Protein backbone atom coordinates (compact mmCIF):
# COMPACT_ATOMS: atom_id res chain seq x y z
CA UNK A 1 7.16 -5.01 55.37
CA UNK A 2 11.02 -5.36 55.96
CA UNK A 3 11.34 -7.90 58.73
CA UNK A 4 13.58 -7.32 61.66
CA UNK A 5 16.58 -9.50 60.33
CA UNK A 6 16.65 -7.44 57.02
CA UNK A 7 16.74 -4.34 58.97
CA UNK A 8 19.78 -5.65 60.89
CA UNK A 9 21.42 -6.59 57.68
CA UNK A 10 21.19 -2.85 56.48
CA UNK A 11 22.18 -1.60 59.93
CA UNK A 12 25.26 -3.82 59.81
CA UNK A 13 26.37 -2.44 56.45
CA UNK A 14 26.08 1.02 57.73
CA UNK A 15 28.65 0.09 60.47
CA UNK A 16 31.32 -0.92 57.90
CA UNK A 17 33.03 -4.11 57.59
CA UNK A 18 33.03 -4.46 61.36
CA UNK A 19 29.13 -4.76 61.27
CA UNK A 20 29.39 -7.83 59.31
CA UNK A 21 31.26 -9.52 62.21
CA UNK A 22 28.46 -8.91 64.82
CA UNK A 23 28.03 -12.15 66.48
CA UNK A 24 31.13 -13.57 65.58
CA UNK A 25 32.47 -14.70 68.91
CA UNK A 26 29.91 -17.43 69.87
CA UNK A 27 30.09 -19.53 66.62
CA UNK A 28 33.87 -19.06 66.70
CA UNK A 29 34.01 -20.27 70.20
CA UNK A 30 31.33 -22.87 69.80
CA UNK A 31 32.55 -24.17 66.56
CA UNK A 32 35.66 -25.46 68.09
CA UNK A 33 33.66 -27.49 70.62
CA UNK A 34 30.88 -28.82 68.55
CA UNK A 35 32.87 -29.72 65.42
CA UNK A 36 35.17 -31.52 67.92
CA UNK A 37 32.23 -33.29 69.35
CA UNK A 38 30.56 -33.92 65.80
CA UNK A 39 33.71 -35.43 64.36
CA UNK A 40 34.80 -37.52 67.24
CA UNK A 41 31.41 -39.00 68.05
CA UNK A 42 31.02 -39.88 64.28
CA UNK A 43 34.43 -41.50 64.36
CA UNK A 44 33.74 -43.31 67.46
CA UNK A 45 30.30 -44.70 66.22
CA UNK A 46 31.59 -45.56 62.80
CA UNK A 47 34.54 -47.43 64.25
CA UNK A 48 32.33 -49.43 66.50
CA UNK A 49 30.10 -50.60 63.59
CA UNK A 50 33.25 -51.13 61.36
CA UNK A 51 34.49 -53.86 63.96
CA UNK A 52 31.11 -55.95 63.32
CA UNK A 53 31.22 -59.02 61.18
CA UNK A 54 31.26 -58.33 57.29
CA UNK A 55 27.67 -59.75 56.94
CA UNK A 56 26.30 -57.63 59.78
CA UNK A 57 23.18 -55.83 58.82
CA UNK A 58 24.52 -52.56 59.63
CA UNK A 59 27.21 -53.02 57.06
CA UNK A 60 25.23 -54.53 54.22
CA UNK A 61 25.69 -52.82 50.93
CA UNK A 62 22.67 -51.36 49.20
CA UNK A 63 22.37 -50.84 45.38
CA UNK A 64 25.78 -52.39 44.97
CA UNK A 65 27.34 -49.95 47.45
CA UNK A 66 26.11 -46.71 45.86
CA UNK A 67 23.43 -46.00 48.60
CA UNK A 68 24.84 -45.26 52.15
CA UNK A 69 24.93 -48.28 54.58
CA UNK A 70 22.77 -48.29 57.65
CA UNK A 71 25.86 -47.77 60.03
CA UNK A 72 26.61 -44.46 58.08
CA UNK A 73 23.05 -43.23 58.70
CA UNK A 74 23.26 -44.57 62.39
CA UNK A 75 26.57 -42.84 63.11
CA UNK A 76 25.44 -39.75 61.59
CA UNK A 77 22.17 -39.61 63.91
CA UNK A 78 24.40 -40.23 67.02
CA UNK A 79 26.76 -37.42 66.15
CA UNK A 80 23.78 -35.10 65.01
CA UNK A 81 22.21 -35.24 68.56
CA UNK A 82 25.68 -34.95 70.21
CA UNK A 83 26.46 -31.94 68.04
CA UNK A 84 23.03 -30.21 68.59
CA UNK A 85 23.38 -30.47 72.56
CA UNK A 86 26.62 -28.65 72.21
CA UNK A 87 25.97 -26.26 69.26
CA UNK A 88 22.44 -25.05 70.21
CA UNK A 89 23.44 -22.38 73.04
CA UNK A 90 26.04 -21.09 70.94
CA UNK A 91 23.64 -20.98 67.70
CA UNK A 92 21.11 -19.18 70.05
CA UNK A 93 23.63 -16.71 71.19
CA UNK A 94 24.85 -16.01 67.57
CA UNK A 95 21.13 -15.47 66.26
CA UNK A 96 20.28 -13.02 69.04
CA UNK A 97 23.40 -11.06 68.58
CA UNK A 98 23.07 -11.01 64.59
CA UNK A 99 19.31 -9.75 65.15
CA UNK A 100 20.56 -7.20 67.63
CA UNK A 101 18.60 -8.80 70.48
CA UNK A 102 19.28 -9.57 74.28
CA UNK A 103 20.13 -13.22 74.70
CA UNK A 104 19.12 -14.82 78.20
CA UNK A 105 20.68 -17.82 79.74
CA UNK A 106 17.42 -19.50 80.49
CA UNK A 107 16.42 -19.51 76.55
CA UNK A 108 19.71 -21.21 75.44
CA UNK A 109 18.00 -24.39 74.00
CA UNK A 110 15.21 -22.44 72.62
CA UNK A 111 14.85 -24.02 69.05
CA UNK A 112 16.86 -27.18 70.00
CA UNK A 113 14.14 -29.63 68.53
CA UNK A 114 14.23 -27.78 65.01
CA UNK A 115 18.03 -27.60 65.27
CA UNK A 116 18.32 -31.37 65.79
CA UNK A 117 16.23 -31.86 62.70
CA UNK A 118 18.24 -29.58 60.76
CA UNK A 119 21.64 -30.91 62.10
CA UNK A 120 20.17 -34.62 61.28
CA UNK A 121 19.27 -33.88 57.86
CA UNK A 122 22.37 -31.95 56.90
CA UNK A 123 24.81 -34.59 58.33
CA UNK A 124 23.11 -37.72 56.80
CA UNK A 125 23.40 -35.91 53.52
CA UNK A 126 26.91 -35.31 54.11
CA UNK A 127 28.33 -38.45 55.74
CA UNK A 128 26.19 -40.72 53.16
CA UNK A 129 27.43 -39.39 50.06
CA UNK A 130 30.94 -38.93 51.40
CA UNK A 131 31.10 -42.56 52.50
CA UNK A 132 29.89 -43.80 49.08
CA UNK A 133 32.58 -41.72 47.14
CA UNK A 134 35.21 -42.92 49.74
CA UNK A 135 34.43 -46.52 49.12
CA UNK A 136 33.55 -46.51 45.16
CA UNK A 137 35.46 -43.37 43.71
CA UNK A 138 38.62 -43.18 45.96
CA UNK A 139 40.17 -41.18 43.23
CA UNK A 140 38.19 -38.25 44.05
CA UNK A 141 39.79 -38.33 47.57
CA UNK A 142 43.49 -39.10 46.14
CA UNK A 143 44.78 -35.43 47.18
CA UNK A 144 43.98 -32.47 49.51
CA UNK A 145 42.48 -30.48 46.65
CA UNK A 146 40.10 -33.10 45.40
CA UNK A 147 39.11 -34.07 48.99
CA UNK A 148 38.51 -30.35 49.63
CA UNK A 149 36.65 -29.71 46.24
CA UNK A 150 34.48 -33.13 46.58
CA UNK A 151 33.63 -32.68 50.25
CA UNK A 152 32.55 -28.75 49.70
CA UNK A 153 30.26 -29.72 46.90
CA UNK A 154 28.93 -32.44 49.07
CA UNK A 155 28.43 -30.14 51.97
CA UNK A 156 26.88 -27.36 49.74
CA UNK A 157 24.44 -29.57 48.17
CA UNK A 158 23.45 -30.67 51.61
CA UNK A 159 22.77 -27.04 52.75
CA UNK A 160 20.55 -26.63 49.77
CA UNK A 161 18.39 -29.52 50.74
CA UNK A 162 18.04 -28.52 54.37
CA UNK A 163 18.14 -24.81 54.21
CA UNK A 164 14.37 -24.33 55.03
CA UNK A 165 15.09 -26.09 58.43
CA UNK A 166 18.09 -23.66 59.07
CA UNK A 167 15.62 -20.77 58.33
CA UNK A 168 13.03 -22.17 60.69
CA UNK A 169 15.73 -22.92 63.43
CA UNK A 170 17.04 -19.35 63.30
CA UNK A 171 13.25 -17.90 63.67
CA UNK A 172 12.81 -20.20 66.53
CA UNK A 173 15.97 -19.27 68.12
CA UNK A 174 15.33 -15.53 67.61
CA UNK A 175 11.43 -15.92 68.71
CA UNK A 176 10.15 -14.63 65.45
CA UNK A 177 7.35 -13.77 64.79
CA UNK A 178 6.80 -14.55 68.51
CA UNK A 179 7.83 -17.33 70.99
CA UNK A 180 6.20 -20.50 70.58
CA UNK A 181 5.00 -19.83 66.99
CA UNK A 182 4.29 -22.83 64.71
CA UNK A 183 5.70 -23.52 61.43
CA UNK A 184 2.66 -22.35 59.45
CA UNK A 185 3.00 -19.01 61.23
CA UNK A 186 6.69 -18.71 60.76
CA UNK A 187 6.41 -19.42 56.92
CA UNK A 188 3.56 -16.72 56.74
CA UNK A 189 5.86 -14.32 58.48
CA UNK A 190 8.51 -14.94 55.84
CA UNK A 191 5.95 -14.30 53.09
CA UNK A 192 5.48 -17.63 51.94
CA UNK A 193 7.30 -20.72 51.11
CA UNK A 194 9.92 -18.89 48.95
CA UNK A 195 11.06 -17.11 52.09
CA UNK A 196 12.32 -20.35 53.62
CA UNK A 197 15.32 -19.92 51.31
CA UNK A 198 15.98 -16.32 52.26
CA UNK A 199 19.77 -15.86 52.67
CA UNK A 200 20.48 -19.07 51.07
CA UNK A 201 23.08 -18.01 48.93
CA UNK A 202 25.85 -16.89 51.44
CA UNK A 203 24.48 -19.78 53.82
CA UNK A 204 25.25 -22.50 51.11
CA UNK A 205 28.39 -21.20 50.02
CA UNK A 206 29.76 -20.77 53.65
CA UNK A 207 28.17 -23.94 54.94
CA UNK A 208 29.68 -25.87 52.00
CA UNK A 209 33.08 -24.01 52.57
CA UNK A 210 33.58 -24.44 56.31
CA UNK A 211 32.07 -28.02 56.46
CA UNK A 212 34.16 -28.98 53.53
CA UNK A 213 37.46 -28.12 55.36
CA UNK A 214 36.12 -29.90 58.58
CA UNK A 215 35.51 -33.02 56.41
CA UNK A 216 39.10 -32.92 54.99
CA UNK A 217 40.58 -32.42 58.43
CA UNK A 218 38.52 -35.52 59.56
CA UNK A 219 39.58 -37.70 56.57
CA UNK A 220 43.14 -36.94 57.27
CA UNK A 221 42.89 -37.41 61.03
CA UNK A 222 41.19 -41.00 60.20
CA UNK A 223 44.46 -41.88 58.08
CA UNK A 224 46.64 -40.58 60.99
CA UNK A 225 44.99 -42.29 63.57
CA UNK A 226 44.99 -45.72 61.72
CA UNK A 227 48.62 -45.24 61.15
CA UNK A 228 49.09 -44.78 64.92
CA UNK A 229 46.87 -47.62 65.88
CA UNK A 230 44.41 -45.48 67.77
CA UNK A 231 41.47 -47.10 65.97
CA UNK A 232 42.19 -50.57 67.19
């Protein structure tokens, strides 16, 4: 049986190019807010830890510095919670519009738990390798193209790892197969565990590209902020 999401994809194709832009405004507007919140809260948390003494436990190097420091995971956790609180209503509206369903104000935080889990995993897999590369392989960040290529690959790999949580988050927000369904019921609805990676190709490519661009923006803003003395 073709589920509701698949039917909407085919219906979007029937509408031409315009059909594939259904639901664009919630994520477009939302991304302006939640990415600003994500990057600013990560930077604020990271800067707080960076000011601690060099021998502080939060800053200790693990495996010679080739494993993310505790301060990186803590900063990623802080910004993932902040981002999820801002992003969830927009993601909910986007999913409902993409599935041709009506969204309701009282349900804007439906699926928040799964969204927070997805975002936390995603950002830890992004900021962790990013910080290691920045500390140990700075030549990979020596110009804009290398920054973009490196961070895009990191972000794409992160999306590959957490995509099952992205799928479960979307099902929760769309109330599929029903509101309040458990993980096992949703996996069954998808036709098994392989269904958790449904739509992963476009999602991983898109997630890698847009988050890679965001990381490039953050990296260069950090340099500018340091030069202006805004991180003191």
